[in-house]
């Protein structure tokens, strides 16, 4: 999963937001199936970056949903969102 996350970051940096969103979404879904507390940082970083990628790709609705999930500190069936990441996700939610 770490290599997929890195590929997502590369795609995002190279202005390929649709591809980045797909890669981050794959990491999020895969890490979520394992739901191990030690993978929380990767899981929620992937979801956060998926939201940023969706936003850059013009997919505002899905981007808002993903950001809201991270800002709300996650879901009960997954490890908690690290607080600094939840705080970062709350800023765009307040602005939008």
PDB file of N, CA and C in Angstrom:
ATOM      1  N   UNK A   1       0.812  -1.208   0.000  1.00  0.00           N
ATOM      2  CA  UNK A   1       0.000   0.000   0.000  1.00  0.00           C
ATOM      3  C   UNK A   1       0.848   1.261   0.000  1.00  0.00           C
ATOM      4  N   UNK A   2       1.998   1.210   0.669  1.00  0.00           N
ATOM      5  CA  UNK A   2       2.862   2.387   0.693  1.00  0.00           C
ATOM      6  C   UNK A   2       3.299   2.801  -0.712  1.00  0.00           C
ATOM      7  N   UNK A   3       3.664   1.837  -1.590  1.00  0.00           N
ATOM      8  CA  UNK A   3       4.030   2.250  -2.959  1.00  0.00           C
ATOM      9  C   UNK A   3       2.867   2.903  -3.712  1.00  0.00           C
ATOM     10  N   UNK A   4       1.650   2.405  -3.516  1.00  0.00           N
ATOM     11  CA  UNK A   4       0.484   3.028  -4.168  1.00  0.00           C
ATOM     12  C   UNK A   4       0.286   4.457  -3.676  1.00  0.00           C
ATOM     13  N   UNK A   5       0.486   4.662  -2.379  1.00  0.00           N
ATOM     14  CA  UNK A   5       0.364   6.002  -1.824  1.00  0.00           C
ATOM     15  C   UNK A   5       1.401   6.922  -2.472  1.00  0.00           C
ATOM     16  N   UNK A   6       2.625   6.435  -2.602  1.00  0.00           N
ATOM     17  CA  UNK A   6       3.690   7.230  -3.233  1.00  0.00           C
ATOM     18  C   UNK A   6       3.353   7.552  -4.688  1.00  0.00           C
ATOM     19  N   UNK A   7       2.785   6.582  -5.399  1.00  0.00           N
ATOM     20  CA  UNK A   7       2.373   6.836  -6.788  1.00  0.00           C
ATOM     21  C   UNK A   7       1.262   7.889  -6.836  1.00  0.00           C
ATOM     22  N   UNK A   8       0.376   7.865  -5.854  1.00  0.00           N
ATOM     23  CA  UNK A   8      -0.675   8.874  -5.775  1.00  0.00           C
ATOM     24  C   UNK A   8      -0.089  10.258  -5.560  1.00  0.00           C
ATOM     25  N   UNK A   9       0.905  10.353  -4.694  1.00  0.00           N
ATOM     26  CA  UNK A   9       1.555  11.648  -4.456  1.00  0.00           C
ATOM     27  C   UNK A   9       2.240  12.141  -5.725  1.00  0.00           C
ATOM     28  N   UNK A  10       2.884  11.236  -6.441  1.00  0.00           N
ATOM     29  CA  UNK A  10       3.548  11.603  -7.691  1.00  0.00           C
ATOM     30  C   UNK A  10       2.529  12.109  -8.713  1.00  0.00           C
ATOM     31  N   UNK A  11       1.424  11.386  -8.849  1.00  0.00           N
ATOM     32  CA  UNK A  11       0.379  11.801  -9.795  1.00  0.00           C
ATOM     33  C   UNK A  11      -0.184  13.167  -9.409  1.00  0.00           C
ATOM     34  N   UNK A  12      -0.377  13.397  -8.120  1.00  0.00           N
ATOM     35  CA  UNK A  12      -0.904  14.684  -7.659  1.00  0.00           C
ATOM     36  C   UNK A  12       0.092  15.809  -7.968  1.00  0.00           C
ATOM     37  N   UNK A  13       1.356  15.560  -7.728  1.00  0.00           N
ATOM     38  CA  UNK A  13       2.392  16.570  -8.001  1.00  0.00           C
ATOM     39  C   UNK A  13       2.560  16.842  -9.498  1.00  0.00           C
ATOM     40  N   UNK A  14       2.239  15.857 -10.323  1.00  0.00           N
ATOM     41  CA  UNK A  14       2.384  16.003 -11.767  1.00  0.00           C
ATOM     42  C   UNK A  14       1.075  16.436 -12.436  1.00  0.00           C
ATOM     43  N   UNK A  15       0.175  16.993 -11.637  1.00  0.00           N
ATOM     44  CA  UNK A  15      -1.093  17.534 -12.148  1.00  0.00           C
ATOM     45  C   UNK A  15      -1.943  16.490 -12.863  1.00  0.00           C
ATOM     46  N   UNK A  16      -2.018  15.302 -12.255  1.00  0.00           N
ATOM     47  CA  UNK A  16      -2.899  14.239 -12.744  1.00  0.00           C
ATOM     48  C   UNK A  16      -3.857  13.868 -11.601  1.00  0.00           C
ATOM     49  N   UNK A  17      -4.765  14.795 -11.248  1.00  0.00           N
ATOM     50  CA  UNK A  17      -5.586  14.587 -10.053  1.00  0.00           C
ATOM     51  C   UNK A  17      -6.556  13.413 -10.136  1.00  0.00           C
ATOM     52  N   UNK A  18      -7.085  13.119 -11.323  1.00  0.00           N
ATOM     53  CA  UNK A  18      -7.993  11.980 -11.438  1.00  0.00           C
ATOM     54  C   UNK A  18      -7.285  10.667 -11.135  1.00  0.00           C
ATOM     55  N   UNK A  19      -6.094  10.511 -11.671  1.00  0.00           N
ATOM     56  CA  UNK A  19      -5.292   9.315 -11.404  1.00  0.00           C
ATOM     57  C   UNK A  19      -4.896   9.259  -9.927  1.00  0.00           C
ATOM     58  N   UNK A  20      -4.526  10.412  -9.368  1.00  0.00           N
ATOM     59  CA  UNK A  20      -4.152  10.462  -7.952  1.00  0.00           C
ATOM     60  C   UNK A  20      -5.328  10.051  -7.071  1.00  0.00           C
ATOM     61  N   UNK A  21      -6.518  10.572  -7.370  1.00  0.00           N
ATOM     62  CA  UNK A  21      -7.702  10.225  -6.577  1.00  0.00           C
ATOM     63  C   UNK A  21      -7.968   8.726  -6.623  1.00  0.00           C
ATOM     64  N   UNK A  22      -7.808   8.133  -7.791  1.00  0.00           N
ATOM     65  CA  UNK A  22      -8.003   6.691  -7.920  1.00  0.00           C
ATOM     66  C   UNK A  22      -6.997   5.927  -7.063  1.00  0.00           C
ATOM     67  N   UNK A  23      -5.740   6.323  -7.118  1.00  0.00           N
ATOM     68  CA  UNK A  23      -4.701   5.637  -6.343  1.00  0.00           C
ATOM     69  C   UNK A  23      -4.936   5.795  -4.842  1.00  0.00           C
ATOM     70  N   UNK A  24      -5.219   7.012  -4.399  1.00  0.00           N
ATOM     71  CA  UNK A  24      -5.479   7.222  -2.972  1.00  0.00           C
ATOM     72  C   UNK A  24      -6.730   6.464  -2.520  1.00  0.00           C
ATOM     73  N   UNK A  25      -7.744   6.417  -3.372  1.00  0.00           N
ATOM     74  CA  UNK A  25      -8.949   5.653  -3.041  1.00  0.00           C
ATOM     75  C   UNK A  25      -8.664   4.177  -2.886  1.00  0.00           C
ATOM     76  N   UNK A  26      -7.817   3.657  -3.738  1.00  0.00           N
ATOM     77  CA  UNK A  26      -7.428   2.235  -3.631  1.00  0.00           C
ATOM     78  C   UNK A  26      -6.696   1.967  -2.320  1.00  0.00           C
ATOM     79  N   UNK A  27      -5.795   2.867  -1.942  1.00  0.00           N
ATOM     80  CA  UNK A  27      -5.077   2.708  -0.672  1.00  0.00           C
ATOM     81  C   UNK A  27      -6.074   2.755   0.489  1.00  0.00           C
ATOM     82  N   UNK A  28      -6.968   3.728   0.469  1.00  0.00           N
ATOM     83  CA  UNK A  28      -7.961   3.878   1.544  1.00  0.00           C
ATOM     84  C   UNK A  28      -8.829   2.621   1.681  1.00  0.00           C
ATOM     85  N   UNK A  29      -9.335   2.136   0.566  1.00  0.00           N
ATOM     86  CA  UNK A  29     -10.199   0.950   0.620  1.00  0.00           C
ATOM     87  C   UNK A  29      -9.428  -0.278   1.090  1.00  0.00           C
ATOM     88  N   UNK A  30      -8.220  -0.456   0.605  1.00  0.00           N
ATOM     89  CA  UNK A  30      -7.416  -1.615   1.002  1.00  0.00           C
ATOM     90  C   UNK A  30      -7.015  -1.548   2.470  1.00  0.00           C
ATOM     91  N   UNK A  31      -6.559  -0.383   2.904  1.00  0.00           N
ATOM     92  CA  UNK A  31      -6.167  -0.225   4.307  1.00  0.00           C
ATOM     93  C   UNK A  31      -7.385  -0.359   5.223  1.00  0.00           C
ATOM     94  N   UNK A  32      -8.530   0.093   4.760  1.00  0.00           N
ATOM     95  CA  UNK A  32      -9.752  -0.013   5.551  1.00  0.00           C
ATOM     96  C   UNK A  32     -10.206  -1.440   5.757  1.00  0.00           C
ATOM     97  N   UNK A  33      -9.942  -2.289   4.777  1.00  0.00           N
ATOM     98  CA  UNK A  33     -10.314  -3.704   4.933  1.00  0.00           C
ATOM     99  C   UNK A  33      -9.478  -4.371   6.023  1.00  0.00           C
ATOM    100  N   UNK A  34      -8.268  -3.883   6.203  1.00  0.00           N
ATOM    101  CA  UNK A  34      -7.386  -4.450   7.230  1.00  0.00           C
ATOM    102  C   UNK A  34      -7.638  -3.785   8.578  1.00  0.00           C
ATOM    103  N   UNK A  35      -7.996  -2.515   8.557  1.00  0.00           N
ATOM    104  CA  UNK A  35      -8.405  -1.733   9.733  1.00  0.00           C
ATOM    105  C   UNK A  35      -7.516  -1.907  10.961  1.00  0.00           C
ATOM    106  N   UNK A  36      -6.221  -2.054  10.784  1.00  0.00           N
ATOM    107  CA  UNK A  36      -5.300  -2.184  11.912  1.00  0.00           C
ATOM    108  C   UNK A  36      -4.944  -0.795  12.449  1.00  0.00           C
ATOM    109  N   UNK A  37      -4.946  -0.626  13.757  1.00  0.00           N
ATOM    110  CA  UNK A  37      -4.633   0.689  14.337  1.00  0.00           C
ATOM    111  C   UNK A  37      -3.288   1.248  13.872  1.00  0.00           C
ATOM    112  N   UNK A  38      -2.317   0.388  13.645  1.00  0.00           N
ATOM    113  CA  UNK A  38      -1.002   0.869  13.208  1.00  0.00           C
ATOM    114  C   UNK A  38      -1.018   1.394  11.767  1.00  0.00           C
ATOM    115  N   UNK A  39      -2.096   1.162  11.041  1.00  0.00           N
ATOM    116  CA  UNK A  39      -2.227   1.671   9.667  1.00  0.00           C
ATOM    117  C   UNK A  39      -3.119   2.906   9.597  1.00  0.00           C
ATOM    118  N   UNK A  40      -3.522   3.445  10.733  1.00  0.00           N
ATOM    119  CA  UNK A  40      -4.439   4.590  10.751  1.00  0.00           C
ATOM    120  C   UNK A  40      -3.875   5.788   9.998  1.00  0.00           C
ATOM    121  N   UNK A  41      -2.595   6.070  10.179  1.00  0.00           N
ATOM    122  CA  UNK A  41      -1.996   7.228   9.506  1.00  0.00           C
ATOM    123  C   UNK A  41      -2.088   7.080   7.988  1.00  0.00           C
ATOM    124  N   UNK A  42      -1.743   5.899   7.474  1.00  0.00           N
ATOM    125  CA  UNK A  42      -1.813   5.655   6.029  1.00  0.00           C
ATOM    126  C   UNK A  42      -3.264   5.693   5.548  1.00  0.00           C
ATOM    127  N   UNK A  43      -4.135   5.039   6.265  1.00  0.00           N
ATOM    128  CA  UNK A  43      -5.558   4.981   5.914  1.00  0.00           C
ATOM    129  C   UNK A  43      -6.141   6.379   5.752  1.00  0.00           C
ATOM    130  N   UNK A  44      -5.983   7.212   6.776  1.00  0.00           N
ATOM    131  CA  UNK A  44      -6.617   8.524   6.755  1.00  0.00           C
ATOM    132  C   UNK A  44      -5.849   9.538   5.925  1.00  0.00           C
ATOM    133  N   UNK A  45      -4.546   9.374   5.797  1.00  0.00           N
ATOM    134  CA  UNK A  45      -3.787  10.239   4.879  1.00  0.00           C
ATOM    135  C   UNK A  45      -4.231   9.983   3.444  1.00  0.00           C
ATOM    136  N   UNK A  46      -4.473   8.723   3.135  1.00  0.00           N
ATOM    137  CA  UNK A  46      -4.948   8.379   1.792  1.00  0.00           C
ATOM    138  C   UNK A  46      -6.320   9.000   1.537  1.00  0.00           C
ATOM    139  N   UNK A  47      -7.207   8.938   2.514  1.00  0.00           N
ATOM    140  CA  UNK A  47      -8.548   9.507   2.338  1.00  0.00           C
ATOM    141  C   UNK A  47      -8.477  11.029   2.178  1.00  0.00           C
ATOM    142  N   UNK A  48      -7.634  11.665   2.987  1.00  0.00           N
ATOM    143  CA  UNK A  48      -7.460  13.112   2.913  1.00  0.00           C
ATOM    144  C   UNK A  48      -6.904  13.522   1.541  1.00  0.00           C
ATOM    145  N   UNK A  49      -5.886  12.822   1.093  1.00  0.00           N
ATOM    146  CA  UNK A  49      -5.290  13.154  -0.202  1.00  0.00           C
ATOM    147  C   UNK A  49      -6.214  12.782  -1.368  1.00  0.00           C
ATOM    148  N   UNK A  50      -7.048  11.776  -1.163  1.00  0.00           N
ATOM    149  CA  UNK A  50      -8.073  11.475  -2.170  1.00  0.00           C
ATOM    150  C   UNK A  50      -8.999  12.685  -2.310  1.00  0.00           C
ATOM    151  N   UNK A  51      -9.394  13.266  -1.178  1.00  0.00           N
ATOM    152  CA  UNK A  51     -10.270  14.441  -1.204  1.00  0.00           C
ATOM    153  C   UNK A  51      -9.603  15.604  -1.929  1.00  0.00           C
ATOM    154  N   UNK A  52      -8.337  15.866  -1.619  1.00  0.00           N
ATOM    155  CA  UNK A  52      -7.625  16.960  -2.290  1.00  0.00           C
ATOM    156  C   UNK A  52      -7.545  16.715  -3.794  1.00  0.00           C
ATOM    157  N   UNK A  53      -7.292  15.464  -4.165  1.00  0.00           N
ATOM    158  CA  UNK A  53      -7.188  15.118  -5.589  1.00  0.00           C
ATOM    159  C   UNK A  53      -8.534  15.291  -6.286  1.00  0.00           C
ATOM    160  N   UNK A  54      -9.598  14.836  -5.640  1.00  0.00           N
ATOM    161  CA  UNK A  54     -10.934  14.989  -6.208  1.00  0.00           C
ATOM    162  C   UNK A  54     -11.266  16.469  -6.393  1.00  0.00           C
ATOM    163  N   UNK A  55     -10.889  17.278  -5.409  1.00  0.00           N
ATOM    164  CA  UNK A  55     -11.127  18.717  -5.491  1.00  0.00           C
ATOM    165  C   UNK A  55     -10.402  19.307  -6.702  1.00  0.00           C
ATOM    166  N   UNK A  56      -9.151  18.949  -6.872  1.00  0.00           N
ATOM    167  CA  UNK A  56      -8.368  19.460  -8.009  1.00  0.00           C
ATOM    168  C   UNK A  56      -8.889  18.952  -9.340  1.00  0.00           C
ATOM    169  N   UNK A  57      -9.583  17.815  -9.299  1.00  0.00           N
ATOM    170  CA  UNK A  57     -10.154  17.248 -10.522  1.00  0.00           C
ATOM    171  C   UNK A  57     -11.553  17.797 -10.796  1.00  0.00           C
ATOM    172  N   UNK A  58     -12.022  18.704  -9.950  1.00  0.00           N
ATOM    173  CA  UNK A  58     -13.325  19.321 -10.157  1.00  0.00           C
ATOM    174  C   UNK A  58     -14.499  18.501  -9.641  1.00  0.00           C
ATOM    175  N   UNK A  59     -14.234  17.477  -8.857  1.00  0.00           N
ATOM    176  CA  UNK A  59     -15.285  16.616  -8.310  1.00  0.00           C
ATOM    177  C   UNK A  59     -15.608  17.073  -6.882  1.00  0.00           C
ATOM    178  N   UNK A  60     -16.273  18.206  -6.790  1.00  0.00           N
ATOM    179  CA  UNK A  60     -16.499  18.857  -5.498  1.00  0.00           C
ATOM    180  C   UNK A  60     -17.336  18.031  -4.514  1.00  0.00           C
ATOM    181  N   UNK A  61     -18.397  17.399  -4.988  1.00  0.00           N
ATOM    182  CA  UNK A  61     -19.252  16.617  -4.086  1.00  0.00           C
ATOM    183  C   UNK A  61     -18.501  15.479  -3.408  1.00  0.00           C
ATOM    184  N   UNK A  62     -17.876  14.589  -4.181  1.00  0.00           N
ATOM    185  CA  UNK A  62     -17.104  13.512  -3.559  1.00  0.00           C
ATOM    186  C   UNK A  62     -15.955  14.038  -2.697  1.00  0.00           C
ATOM    187  N   UNK A  63     -15.356  15.148  -3.094  1.00  0.00           N
ATOM    188  CA  UNK A  63     -14.266  15.728  -2.299  1.00  0.00           C
ATOM    189  C   UNK A  63     -14.782  16.171  -0.935  1.00  0.00           C
ATOM    190  N   UNK A  64     -15.934  16.836  -0.922  1.00  0.00           N
ATOM    191  CA  UNK A  64     -16.521  17.290   0.355  1.00  0.00           C
ATOM    192  C   UNK A  64     -16.868  16.107   1.250  1.00  0.00           C
ATOM    193  N   UNK A  65     -17.403  15.040   0.650  1.00  0.00           N
ATOM    194  CA  UNK A  65     -17.751  13.852   1.441  1.00  0.00           C
ATOM    195  C   UNK A  65     -16.517  13.250   2.101  1.00  0.00           C
ATOM    196  N   UNK A  66     -15.440  13.127   1.334  1.00  0.00           N
ATOM    197  CA  UNK A  66     -14.207  12.545   1.873  1.00  0.00           C
ATOM    198  C   UNK A  66     -13.621  13.434   2.965  1.00  0.00           C
ATOM    199  N   UNK A  67     -13.585  14.751   2.729  1.00  0.00           N
ATOM    200  CA  UNK A  67     -13.068  15.668   3.750  1.00  0.00           C
ATOM    201  C   UNK A  67     -13.920  15.625   5.017  1.00  0.00           C
ATOM    202  N   UNK A  68     -15.222  15.571   4.848  1.00  0.00           N
ATOM    203  CA  UNK A  68     -16.121  15.527   6.008  1.00  0.00           C
ATOM    204  C   UNK A  68     -15.879  14.267   6.828  1.00  0.00           C
ATOM    205  N   UNK A  69     -15.610  13.157   6.157  1.00  0.00           N
ATOM    206  CA  UNK A  69     -15.343  11.904   6.872  1.00  0.00           C
ATOM    207  C   UNK A  69     -14.073  12.021   7.713  1.00  0.00           C
ATOM    208  N   UNK A  70     -13.036  12.606   7.135  1.00  0.00           N
ATOM    209  CA  UNK A  70     -11.783  12.783   7.878  1.00  0.00           C
ATOM    210  C   UNK A  70     -11.979  13.807   8.999  1.00  0.00           C
ATOM    211  N   UNK A  71     -12.658  14.904   8.710  1.00  0.00           N
ATOM    212  CA  UNK A  71     -12.881  15.957   9.702  1.00  0.00           C
ATOM    213  C   UNK A  71     -13.713  15.462  10.880  1.00  0.00           C
ATOM    214  N   UNK A  72     -14.619  14.522  10.624  1.00  0.00           N
ATOM    215  CA  UNK A  72     -15.483  13.985  11.681  1.00  0.00           C
ATOM    216  C   UNK A  72     -14.775  12.911  12.492  1.00  0.00           C
ATOM    217  N   UNK A  73     -13.492  12.742  12.249  1.00  0.00           N
ATOM    218  CA  UNK A  73     -12.657  11.784  12.981  1.00  0.00           C
ATOM    219  C   UNK A  73     -12.961  10.336  12.611  1.00  0.00           C
ATOM    220  N   UNK A  74     -13.452  10.128  11.381  1.00  0.00           N
ATOM    221  CA  UNK A  74     -13.550   8.774  10.860  1.00  0.00           C
ATOM    222  C   UNK A  74     -14.886   8.104  11.007  1.00  0.00           C
ATOM    223  N   UNK A  75     -14.809   6.788  11.050  1.00  0.00           N
ATOM    224  CA  UNK A  75     -15.997   5.945  11.155  1.00  0.00           C
ATOM    225  C   UNK A  75     -15.787   4.970  12.315  1.00  0.00           C
ATOM    226  N   UNK A  76     -16.875   4.490  12.908  1.00  0.00           N
ATOM    227  CA  UNK A  76     -16.730   3.607  14.073  1.00  0.00           C
ATOM    228  C   UNK A  76     -16.065   2.266  13.747  1.00  0.00           C
ATOM    229  N   UNK A  77     -16.119   1.838  12.501  1.00  0.00           N
ATOM    230  CA  UNK A  77     -15.543   0.542  12.134  1.00  0.00           C
ATOM    231  C   UNK A  77     -14.067   0.629  11.741  1.00  0.00           C
ATOM    232  N   UNK A  78     -13.475   1.823  11.839  1.00  0.00           N
ATOM    233  CA  UNK A  78     -12.077   2.030  11.460  1.00  0.00           C
ATOM    234  C   UNK A  78     -11.308   2.680  12.600  1.00  0.00           C
ATOM    235  N   UNK A  79      -9.980   2.569  12.569  1.00  0.00           N
ATOM    236  CA  UNK A  79      -9.186   3.254  13.602  1.00  0.00           C
ATOM    237  C   UNK A  79      -9.441   4.766  13.548  1.00  0.00           C
ATOM    238  N   UNK A  80      -9.255   5.452  14.665  1.00  0.00           N
ATOM    239  CA  UNK A  80      -9.516   6.888  14.682  1.00  0.00           C
ATOM    240  C   UNK A  80      -8.547   7.673  13.793  1.00  0.00           C
ATOM    241  N   UNK A  81      -9.038   8.806  13.327  1.00  0.00           N
ATOM    242  CA  UNK A  81      -8.228   9.709  12.507  1.00  0.00           C
ATOM    243  C   UNK A  81      -7.223  10.416  13.422  1.00  0.00           C
ATOM    244  N   UNK A  82      -5.948  10.447  13.040  1.00  0.00           N
ATOM    245  CA  UNK A  82      -4.991  11.229  13.829  1.00  0.00           C
ATOM    246  C   UNK A  82      -5.447  12.692  13.886  1.00  0.00           C
ATOM    247  N   UNK A  83      -5.391  13.291  15.057  1.00  0.00           N
ATOM    248  CA  UNK A  83      -5.941  14.635  15.272  1.00  0.00           C
ATOM    249  C   UNK A  83      -5.384  15.693  14.323  1.00  0.00           C
ATOM    250  N   UNK A  84      -4.072  15.726  14.049  1.00  0.00           N
ATOM    251  CA  UNK A  84      -3.584  16.757  13.115  1.00  0.00           C
ATOM    252  C   UNK A  84      -4.218  16.639  11.721  1.00  0.00           C
ATOM    253  N   UNK A  85      -4.493  15.423  11.297  1.00  0.00           N
ATOM    254  CA  UNK A  85      -5.121  15.213   9.992  1.00  0.00           C
ATOM    255  C   UNK A  85      -6.589  15.648  10.021  1.00  0.00           C
ATOM    256  N   UNK A  86      -7.275  15.320  11.112  1.00  0.00           N
ATOM    257  CA  UNK A  86      -8.669  15.756  11.253  1.00  0.00           C
ATOM    258  C   UNK A  86      -8.748  17.282  11.259  1.00  0.00           C
ATOM    259  N   UNK A  87      -7.812  17.930  11.946  1.00  0.00           N
ATOM    260  CA  UNK A  87      -7.779  19.402  11.966  1.00  0.00           C
ATOM    261  C   UNK A  87      -7.562  19.962  10.563  1.00  0.00           C
ATOM    262  N   UNK A  88      -6.645  19.365   9.807  1.00  0.00           N
ATOM    263  CA  UNK A  88      -6.374  19.828   8.434  1.00  0.00           C
ATOM    264  C   UNK A  88      -7.620  19.684   7.566  1.00  0.00           C
ATOM    265  N   UNK A  89      -8.384  18.624   7.779  1.00  0.00           N
ATOM    266  CA  UNK A  89      -9.594  18.399   6.982  1.00  0.00           C
ATOM    267  C   UNK A  89     -10.721  19.344   7.385  1.00  0.00           C
ATOM    268  N   UNK A  90     -10.714  19.804   8.623  1.00  0.00           N
ATOM    269  CA  UNK A  90     -11.777  20.700   9.088  1.00  0.00           C
ATOM    270  C   UNK A  90     -11.689  22.090   8.464  1.00  0.00           C
ATOM    271  N   UNK A  91     -10.496  22.539   8.148  1.00  0.00           N
ATOM    272  CA  UNK A  91     -10.325  23.893   7.591  1.00  0.00           C
ATOM    273  C   UNK A  91     -11.105  24.077   6.291  1.00  0.00           C
ATOM    274  N   UNK A  92     -10.957  23.183   5.287  1.00  0.00           N
ATOM    275  CA  UNK A  92     -11.758  23.342   4.063  1.00  0.00           C
ATOM    276  C   UNK A  92     -13.255  23.162   4.312  1.00  0.00           C
ATOM    277  N   UNK A  93     -13.616  22.327   5.277  1.00  0.00           N
ATOM    278  CA  UNK A  93     -15.042  22.116   5.577  1.00  0.00           C
ATOM    279  C   UNK A  93     -15.661  23.396   6.130  1.00  0.00           C
ATOM    280  N   UNK A  94     -14.911  24.122   6.954  1.00  0.00           N
ATOM    281  CA  UNK A  94     -15.415  25.392   7.512  1.00  0.00           C
ATOM    282  C   UNK A  94     -15.515  26.459   6.421  1.00  0.00           C
ATOM    283  N   UNK A  95     -14.541  26.450   5.522  1.00  0.00           N
ATOM    284  CA  UNK A  95     -14.507  27.471   4.469  1.00  0.00           C
ATOM    285  C   UNK A  95     -15.577  27.231   3.409  1.00  0.00           C
ATOM    286  N   UNK A  96     -15.906  25.946   3.171  1.00  0.00           N
ATOM    287  CA  UNK A  96     -16.837  25.637   2.085  1.00  0.00           C
ATOM    288  C   UNK A  96     -18.214  25.521   2.575  1.00  0.00           C
TER     289      UNK A  96
END
